[in-house]
PDB file of N, CA and C in Angstrom:
ATOM      1  N   MET A   1     -15.050 -13.282 -14.323  1.00  0.00           N
ATOM      2  CA  MET A   1     -15.302 -12.398 -13.179  1.00  0.00           C
ATOM      3  C   MET A   1     -14.082 -11.502 -12.950  1.00  0.00           C
ATOM      4  N   LYS A   2     -14.334 -10.249 -12.753  1.00  0.00           N
ATOM      5  CA  LYS A   2     -13.268  -9.276 -12.540  1.00  0.00           C
ATOM      6  C   LYS A   2     -12.696  -9.401 -11.127  1.00  0.00           C
ATOM      7  N   ASP A   3     -11.379  -9.343 -11.027  1.00  0.00           N
ATOM      8  CA  ASP A   3     -10.709  -9.389  -9.726  1.00  0.00           C
ATOM      9  C   ASP A   3     -11.068  -8.136  -8.935  1.00  0.00           C
ATOM     10  N   PRO A   4     -11.693  -8.272  -7.758  1.00  0.00           N
ATOM     11  CA  PRO A   4     -12.117  -7.085  -6.994  1.00  0.00           C
ATOM     12  C   PRO A   4     -10.958  -6.264  -6.446  1.00  0.00           C
ATOM     13  N   TYR A   5      -9.732  -6.832  -6.451  1.00  0.00           N
ATOM     14  CA  TYR A   5      -8.582  -6.110  -5.926  1.00  0.00           C
ATOM     15  C   TYR A   5      -7.743  -5.471  -7.027  1.00  0.00           C
ATOM     16  N   PHE A   6      -8.187  -5.587  -8.278  1.00  0.00           N
ATOM     17  CA  PHE A   6      -7.431  -5.053  -9.396  1.00  0.00           C
ATOM     18  C   PHE A   6      -7.866  -3.623  -9.714  1.00  0.00           C
ATOM     19  N   ASN A   7      -6.897  -2.760  -9.957  1.00  0.00           N
ATOM     20  CA  ASN A   7      -7.139  -1.347 -10.274  1.00  0.00           C
ATOM     21  C   ASN A   7      -7.912  -0.618  -9.184  1.00  0.00           C
ATOM     22  N   GLN A   8      -7.602  -0.950  -7.957  1.00  0.00           N
ATOM     23  CA  GLN A   8      -8.195  -0.245  -6.833  1.00  0.00           C
ATOM     24  C   GLN A   8      -7.355   0.996  -6.538  1.00  0.00           C
ATOM     25  N   SER A   9      -7.948   1.936  -5.838  1.00  0.00           N
ATOM     26  CA  SER A   9      -7.243   3.149  -5.461  1.00  0.00           C
ATOM     27  C   SER A   9      -7.149   3.188  -3.944  1.00  0.00           C
ATOM     28  N   ILE A  10      -5.965   3.505  -3.447  1.00  0.00           N
ATOM     29  CA  ILE A  10      -5.780   3.597  -2.003  1.00  0.00           C
ATOM     30  C   ILE A  10      -4.977   4.855  -1.705  1.00  0.00           C
ATOM     31  N   ASP A  11      -5.363   5.545  -0.651  1.00  0.00           N
ATOM     32  CA  ASP A  11      -4.634   6.733  -0.225  1.00  0.00           C
ATOM     33  C   ASP A  11      -3.249   6.330   0.263  1.00  0.00           C
ATOM     34  N   CYS A  12      -2.258   7.136  -0.055  1.00  0.00           N
ATOM     35  CA  CYS A  12      -0.886   6.885   0.393  1.00  0.00           C
ATOM     36  C   CYS A  12      -0.167   8.215   0.540  1.00  0.00           C
ATOM     37  N   GLU A  13       0.471   8.390   1.683  1.00  0.00           N
ATOM     38  CA  GLU A  13       1.246   9.601   1.931  1.00  0.00           C
ATOM     39  C   GLU A  13       2.712   9.275   2.177  1.00  0.00           C
ATOM     40  N   VAL A  14       3.144   8.081   1.771  1.00  0.00           N
ATOM     41  CA  VAL A  14       4.529   7.664   1.952  1.00  0.00           C
ATOM     42  C   VAL A  14       5.315   8.123   0.730  1.00  0.00           C
ATOM     43  N   HIS A  15       5.746   9.377   0.764  1.00  0.00           N
ATOM     44  CA  HIS A  15       6.339  10.007  -0.403  1.00  0.00           C
ATOM     45  C   HIS A  15       7.701   9.458  -0.779  1.00  0.00           C
ATOM     46  N   ASN A  16       8.336   8.660   0.091  1.00  0.00           N
ATOM     47  CA  ASN A  16       9.613   8.057  -0.289  1.00  0.00           C
ATOM     48  C   ASN A  16       9.412   6.690  -0.936  1.00  0.00           C
ATOM     49  N   CYS A  17       8.154   6.312  -1.213  1.00  0.00           N
ATOM     50  CA  CYS A  17       7.865   5.081  -1.940  1.00  0.00           C
ATOM     51  C   CYS A  17       7.741   5.402  -3.425  1.00  0.00           C
ATOM     52  N   THR A  18       8.367   4.594  -4.247  1.00  0.00           N
ATOM     53  CA  THR A  18       8.360   4.829  -5.691  1.00  0.00           C
ATOM     54  C   THR A  18       6.968   4.729  -6.309  1.00  0.00           C
ATOM     55  N   TYR A  19       6.034   4.039  -5.650  1.00  0.00           N
ATOM     56  CA  TYR A  19       4.696   3.858  -6.199  1.00  0.00           C
ATOM     57  C   TYR A  19       3.713   4.956  -5.784  1.00  0.00           C
ATOM     58  N   CYS A  20       4.130   5.855  -4.907  1.00  0.00           N
ATOM     59  CA  CYS A  20       3.239   6.915  -4.436  1.00  0.00           C
ATOM     60  C   CYS A  20       3.128   8.032  -5.471  1.00  0.00           C
ATOM     61  N   ASN A  21       1.899   8.359  -5.841  1.00  0.00           N
ATOM     62  CA  ASN A  21       1.637   9.523  -6.687  1.00  0.00           C
ATOM     63  C   ASN A  21       1.461  10.695  -5.718  1.00  0.00           C
ATOM     64  N   CYS A  22       2.538  11.427  -5.497  1.00  0.00           N
ATOM     65  CA  CYS A  22       2.562  12.453  -4.452  1.00  0.00           C
ATOM     66  C   CYS A  22       1.579  13.592  -4.696  1.00  0.00           C
ATOM     67  N   GLU A  23       1.289  13.904  -5.958  1.00  0.00           N
ATOM     68  CA  GLU A  23       0.349  14.987  -6.243  1.00  0.00           C
ATOM     69  C   GLU A  23      -1.065  14.632  -5.771  1.00  0.00           C
ATOM     70  N   GLU A  24      -1.421  13.362  -5.897  1.00  0.00           N
ATOM     71  CA  GLU A  24      -2.769  12.931  -5.529  1.00  0.00           C
ATOM     72  C   GLU A  24      -2.805  12.156  -4.217  1.00  0.00           C
ATOM     73  N   ASN A  25      -1.632  11.894  -3.627  1.00  0.00           N
ATOM     74  CA  ASN A  25      -1.520  11.062  -2.427  1.00  0.00           C
ATOM     75  C   ASN A  25      -2.240   9.733  -2.602  1.00  0.00           C
ATOM     76  N   LYS A  26      -1.962   9.062  -3.728  1.00  0.00           N
ATOM     77  CA  LYS A  26      -2.543   7.759  -4.046  1.00  0.00           C
ATOM     78  C   LYS A  26      -1.425   6.795  -4.421  1.00  0.00           C
ATOM     79  N   CYS A  27      -1.672   5.509  -4.208  1.00  0.00           N
ATOM     80  CA  CYS A  27      -0.728   4.494  -4.659  1.00  0.00           C
ATOM     81  C   CYS A  27      -0.928   4.276  -6.150  1.00  0.00           C
ATOM     82  N   GLY A  28       0.172   4.151  -6.885  1.00  0.00           N
ATOM     83  CA  GLY A  28       0.103   3.992  -8.326  1.00  0.00           C
ATOM     84  C   GLY A  28       0.077   2.553  -8.793  1.00  0.00           C
ATOM     85  N   LEU A  29       0.093   1.590  -7.880  1.00  0.00           N
ATOM     86  CA  LEU A  29       0.073   0.191  -8.280  1.00  0.00           C
ATOM     87  C   LEU A  29      -1.335  -0.269  -8.613  1.00  0.00           C
ATOM     88  N   ALA A  30      -1.446  -1.160  -9.598  1.00  0.00           N
ATOM     89  CA  ALA A  30      -2.743  -1.738  -9.945  1.00  0.00           C
ATOM     90  C   ALA A  30      -3.165  -2.772  -8.904  1.00  0.00           C
ATOM     91  N   LYS A  31      -2.188  -3.463  -8.320  1.00  0.00           N
ATOM     92  CA  LYS A  31      -2.488  -4.470  -7.302  1.00  0.00           C
ATOM     93  C   LYS A  31      -1.535  -4.258  -6.136  1.00  0.00           C
ATOM     94  N   ILE A  32      -2.073  -3.988  -4.978  1.00  0.00           N
ATOM     95  CA  ILE A  32      -1.290  -3.648  -3.792  1.00  0.00           C
ATOM     96  C   ILE A  32      -1.281  -4.829  -2.845  1.00  0.00           C
ATOM     97  N   LYS A  33      -0.088  -5.216  -2.383  1.00  0.00           N
ATOM     98  CA  LYS A  33       0.019  -6.307  -1.413  1.00  0.00           C
ATOM     99  C   LYS A  33       0.101  -5.721  -0.013  1.00  0.00           C
ATOM    100  N   ILE A  34      -0.578  -6.362   0.931  1.00  0.00           N
ATOM    101  CA  ILE A  34      -0.488  -5.971   2.326  1.00  0.00           C
ATOM    102  C   ILE A  34      -0.049  -7.178   3.132  1.00  0.00           C
ATOM    103  N   CYS A  35       0.410  -6.938   4.348  1.00  0.00           N
ATOM    104  CA  CYS A  35       0.732  -8.032   5.247  1.00  0.00           C
ATOM    105  C   CYS A  35       0.247  -7.665   6.644  1.00  0.00           C
ATOM    106  N   TRP A  36       0.165  -8.669   7.481  1.00  0.00           N
ATOM    107  CA  TRP A  36      -0.298  -8.502   8.855  1.00  0.00           C
ATOM    108  C   TRP A  36       0.897  -8.508   9.789  1.00  0.00           C
ATOM    109  N   ILE A  37       0.894  -7.596  10.762  1.00  0.00           N
ATOM    110  CA  ILE A  37       1.944  -7.586  11.782  1.00  0.00           C
ATOM    111  C   ILE A  37       1.290  -7.500  13.153  1.00  0.00           C
ATOM    112  N   ALA A  38       2.004  -8.005  14.149  1.00  0.00           N
ATOM    113  CA  ALA A  38       1.520  -7.914  15.530  1.00  0.00           C
ATOM    114  C   ALA A  38       1.917  -6.551  16.086  1.00  0.00           C
ATOM    115  N   ASN A  39       0.963  -5.886  16.688  1.00  0.00           N
ATOM    116  CA  ASN A  39       1.188  -4.584  17.297  1.00  0.00           C
ATOM    117  C   ASN A  39       1.167  -4.784  18.807  1.00  0.00           C
ATOM    118  N   ASN A  40       2.289  -4.602  19.448  1.00  0.00           N
ATOM    119  CA  ASN A  40       2.431  -4.802  20.893  1.00  0.00           C
ATOM    120  C   ASN A  40       2.116  -6.238  21.306  1.00  0.00           C
ATOM    121  N   GLY A  41       2.288  -7.170  20.376  1.00  0.00           N
ATOM    122  CA  GLY A  41       2.121  -8.571  20.690  1.00  0.00           C
ATOM    123  C   GLY A  41       0.693  -9.042  20.881  1.00  0.00           C
ATOM    124  N   SER A  42      -0.288  -8.157  20.765  1.00  0.00           N
ATOM    125  CA  SER A  42      -1.650  -8.592  21.034  1.00  0.00           C
ATOM    126  C   SER A  42      -2.626  -8.296  19.897  1.00  0.00           C
ATOM    127  N   LYS A  43      -2.401  -7.240  19.169  1.00  0.00           N
ATOM    128  CA  LYS A  43      -3.340  -6.800  18.141  1.00  0.00           C
ATOM    129  C   LYS A  43      -2.673  -6.881  16.775  1.00  0.00           C
ATOM    130  N   LEU A  44      -3.408  -7.395  15.787  1.00  0.00           N
ATOM    131  CA  LEU A  44      -2.889  -7.440  14.421  1.00  0.00           C
ATOM    132  C   LEU A  44      -3.289  -6.184  13.668  1.00  0.00           C
ATOM    133  N   GLU A  45      -2.374  -5.679  12.859  1.00  0.00           N
ATOM    134  CA  GLU A  45      -2.697  -4.555  11.989  1.00  0.00           C
ATOM    135  C   GLU A  45      -2.086  -4.812  10.626  1.00  0.00           C
ATOM    136  N   THR A  46      -2.615  -4.151   9.628  1.00  0.00           N
ATOM    137  CA  THR A  46      -2.106  -4.335   8.273  1.00  0.00           C
ATOM    138  C   THR A  46      -1.132  -3.227   7.917  1.00  0.00           C
ATOM    139  N   ILE A  47      -0.123  -3.593   7.144  1.00  0.00           N
ATOM    140  CA  ILE A  47       0.807  -2.610   6.592  1.00  0.00           C
ATOM    141  C   ILE A  47       0.995  -2.935   5.115  1.00  0.00           C
ATOM    142  N   CYS A  48       1.465  -1.972   4.370  1.00  0.00           N
ATOM    143  CA  CYS A  48       1.706  -2.165   2.946  1.00  0.00           C
ATOM    144  C   CYS A  48       2.963  -3.004   2.751  1.00  0.00           C
ATOM    145  N   ASP A  49       2.834  -4.074   1.956  1.00  0.00           N
ATOM    146  CA  ASP A  49       3.960  -4.942   1.667  1.00  0.00           C
ATOM    147  C   ASP A  49       4.521  -4.657   0.275  1.00  0.00           C
ATOM    148  N   SER A  50       3.977  -3.659  -0.412  1.00  0.00           N
ATOM    149  CA  SER A  50       4.399  -3.313  -1.776  1.00  0.00           C
ATOM    150  C   SER A  50       5.408  -2.173  -1.794  1.00  0.00           C
ATOM    151  N   PHE A  51       5.808  -1.675  -0.632  1.00  0.00           N
ATOM    152  CA  PHE A  51       6.704  -0.532  -0.550  1.00  0.00           C
ATOM    153  C   PHE A  51       8.015  -0.794  -1.287  1.00  0.00           C
ATOM    154  N   LYS A  52       8.438   0.205  -2.045  1.00  0.00           N
ATOM    155  CA  LYS A  52       9.762   0.182  -2.690  1.00  0.00           C
ATOM    156  C   LYS A  52      10.343   1.573  -2.600  1.00  0.00           C
ATOM    157  N   ASN A  53      11.534   1.685  -2.023  1.00  0.00           N
ATOM    158  CA  ASN A  53      12.175   2.983  -1.834  1.00  0.00           C
ATOM    159  C   ASN A  53      12.495   3.632  -3.169  1.00  0.00           C
ATOM    160  N   LYS A  54      12.277   4.961  -3.260  1.00  0.00           N
ATOM    161  CA  LYS A  54      12.655   5.698  -4.464  1.00  0.00           C
ATOM    162  C   LYS A  54      14.161   5.714  -4.580  1.00  0.00           C
ATOM    163  N   ASP A  55      14.654   5.636  -5.797  1.00  0.00           N
ATOM    164  CA  ASP A  55      16.105   5.680  -6.029  1.00  0.00           C
ATOM    165  C   ASP A  55      16.613   7.080  -5.905  1.00  0.00           C
TER     166      ASP A  55
END
């Protein structure tokens, strides 16, 4: 069975991330990790955990 999270495409406009394809505004990773954070202590939201700053 194929991993449903493999080779997915996600929009990304974080141009200071090394994985961002700025021409297409897409993430270049085959597998993207996310994490959950508390927003104002009451609501959970997801953020990208795969971010890596461009050198």
